Amino acid sequence: MGYPDAELSILIVDDQQIARLNRQYLNRDGPTNVIAFAMQEGPFSEIAPALLGDVVISMETAHRQAQNAGLSMLDYFDQLLIHGILHLLGYDHENDKSEAHKMEQKTNQVLKSIKSKSVF
């Protein structure tokens, strides 16, 4: 994806924890599946230029959504993680609807690449 030396943190939380973050930072009520906090933008982006940011995933919401979609939890987790990473890289499907299609295509491309290199 063009960031060979980049770092990010992944936080796996429950619905209560992600709902609290969703309210505090996004002014939204309730849990969501994934939230990304980018460190490449804003006033402190130069402090650690290799740090992309944080991806927070609620396993409770992800589990429910995976079941509803008929997906394995591992496959859905991979999708959410890639989705969060793409947000860290500047993709924004919420404010630019044309980006939604680009994000979906990029997610599928990365998933395909990962699966083709998997040893499992």
Protein backbone atom coordinates (compact mmCIF):
# COMPACT_ATOMS: atom_id res chain seq x y z
CA MET A 1 0.00 0.00 0.00
CA GLY A 2 3.04 2.19 -0.19
CA TYR A 3 3.96 2.44 3.50
CA PRO A 4 6.62 -0.25 4.10
CA ASP A 5 7.89 1.24 7.38
CA ALA A 6 4.56 2.45 8.77
CA GLU A 7 3.18 1.48 12.15
CA LEU A 8 -0.34 1.28 13.50
CA SER A 9 -2.05 -0.01 16.58
CA ILE A 10 -5.01 -2.36 16.59
CA LEU A 11 -7.37 -2.29 19.54
CA ILE A 12 -9.93 -5.05 19.95
CA VAL A 13 -12.73 -3.95 22.24
CA ASP A 14 -16.32 -4.74 23.19
CA ASP A 15 -19.47 -2.83 22.24
CA GLN A 16 -19.44 -0.74 25.42
CA GLN A 17 -15.90 0.48 24.81
CA ILE A 18 -16.41 1.31 21.13
CA ALA A 19 -19.73 3.04 21.90
CA ARG A 20 -17.88 5.26 24.37
CA LEU A 21 -15.24 6.14 21.73
CA ASN A 22 -17.96 6.65 19.11
CA ARG A 23 -19.74 9.16 21.39
CA GLN A 24 -16.60 10.92 22.61
CA TYR A 25 -14.83 11.40 19.28
CA LEU A 26 -17.52 11.13 16.59
CA ASN A 27 -20.63 12.35 18.42
CA ARG A 28 -22.48 9.18 17.46
CA ASP A 29 -24.57 6.99 19.70
CA GLY A 30 -24.11 3.27 20.07
CA PRO A 31 -21.52 0.75 19.01
CA THR A 32 -20.05 0.42 15.55
CA ASN A 33 -17.81 -2.21 13.99
CA VAL A 34 -14.64 -0.19 13.36
CA ILE A 35 -13.26 3.29 14.09
CA ALA A 36 -9.97 4.62 12.76
CA PHE A 37 -7.99 7.43 14.36
CA ALA A 38 -5.48 8.77 11.83
CA MET A 39 -2.20 10.24 13.00
CA GLN A 40 -1.09 11.43 9.55
CA GLU A 41 -3.23 14.55 9.77
CA GLY A 42 -3.74 17.29 12.29
CA PRO A 43 -1.43 19.41 14.41
CA PHE A 44 0.68 16.53 15.78
CA SER A 45 1.17 14.55 12.56
CA GLU A 46 4.88 15.37 12.42
CA ILE A 47 5.69 13.90 15.84
CA ALA A 48 5.83 10.30 14.56
CA PRO A 49 5.61 10.35 10.76
CA ALA A 50 5.71 6.54 10.47
CA LEU A 51 2.69 6.15 12.78
CA LEU A 52 -0.49 5.79 10.72
CA GLY A 53 -2.79 5.73 13.75
CA ASP A 54 -5.18 3.41 15.57
CA VAL A 55 -7.78 0.97 14.30
CA VAL A 56 -10.39 0.02 16.91
CA ILE A 57 -12.63 -2.99 16.22
CA SER A 58 -15.57 -4.14 18.33
CA MET A 59 -15.55 -7.93 18.32
CA GLU A 60 -19.14 -8.05 19.54
CA THR A 61 -20.48 -5.99 16.64
CA ALA A 62 -18.15 -7.70 14.19
CA HIS A 63 -19.34 -11.13 15.35
CA ARG A 64 -23.01 -10.18 14.92
CA GLN A 65 -22.42 -8.66 11.50
CA ALA A 66 -20.34 -11.63 10.32
CA GLN A 67 -23.12 -14.02 11.35
CA ASN A 68 -25.77 -11.88 9.63
CA ALA A 69 -23.69 -11.77 6.44
CA GLY A 70 -22.90 -15.48 6.52
CA LEU A 71 -19.16 -14.83 6.76
CA SER A 72 -16.55 -16.41 8.97
CA MET A 73 -15.43 -14.21 11.82
CA LEU A 74 -11.83 -14.30 10.56
CA ASP A 75 -12.79 -13.19 7.04
CA TYR A 76 -14.97 -10.38 8.37
CA PHE A 77 -12.28 -9.26 10.83
CA ASP A 78 -9.83 -9.03 7.93
CA GLN A 79 -12.30 -6.85 6.01
CA LEU A 80 -12.80 -4.54 8.99
CA LEU A 81 -9.07 -4.24 9.63
CA ILE A 82 -8.36 -3.38 6.00
CA HIS A 83 -11.27 -0.92 6.02
CA GLY A 84 -9.83 0.79 9.10
CA ILE A 85 -6.34 0.91 7.60
CA LEU A 86 -7.71 2.49 4.43
CA HIS A 87 -9.28 5.19 6.59
CA LEU A 88 -5.85 5.79 8.15
CA LEU A 89 -4.48 6.22 4.63
CA GLY A 90 -7.04 8.91 3.83
CA TYR A 91 -9.92 7.03 2.24
CA ASP A 92 -13.26 8.51 3.29
CA HIS A 93 -16.51 6.90 2.18
CA GLU A 94 -18.67 8.95 4.53
CA ASN A 95 -17.96 12.41 3.14
CA ASP A 96 -17.25 11.38 -0.45
CA LYS A 97 -19.59 8.72 -1.81
CA SER A 98 -17.36 8.10 -4.84
CA GLU A 99 -14.69 6.97 -2.37
CA ALA A 100 -16.98 4.17 -1.13
CA HIS A 101 -16.55 2.29 -4.39
CA LYS A 102 -12.79 2.93 -4.39
CA MET A 103 -12.55 1.66 -0.81
CA GLU A 104 -14.49 -1.49 -1.65
CA GLN A 105 -12.28 -2.18 -4.66
CA LYS A 106 -9.09 -1.58 -2.65
CA THR A 107 -10.36 -3.78 0.19
CA ASN A 108 -11.06 -6.62 -2.23
CA GLN A 109 -7.64 -6.16 -3.87
CA VAL A 110 -5.84 -6.32 -0.52
CA LEU A 111 -7.89 -9.32 0.64
CA LYS A 112 -7.10 -11.16 -2.58
CA SER A 113 -3.42 -10.37 -2.18
CA ILE A 114 -3.39 -11.59 1.42
CA LYS A 115 -5.21 -14.81 0.58
CA SER A 116 -2.89 -15.56 -2.35
CA LYS A 117 0.13 -15.32 -0.03
CA SER A 118 -1.41 -17.16 2.91
CA VAL A 119 0.36 -20.28 4.11
CA PHE A 120 -2.67 -21.55 6.01
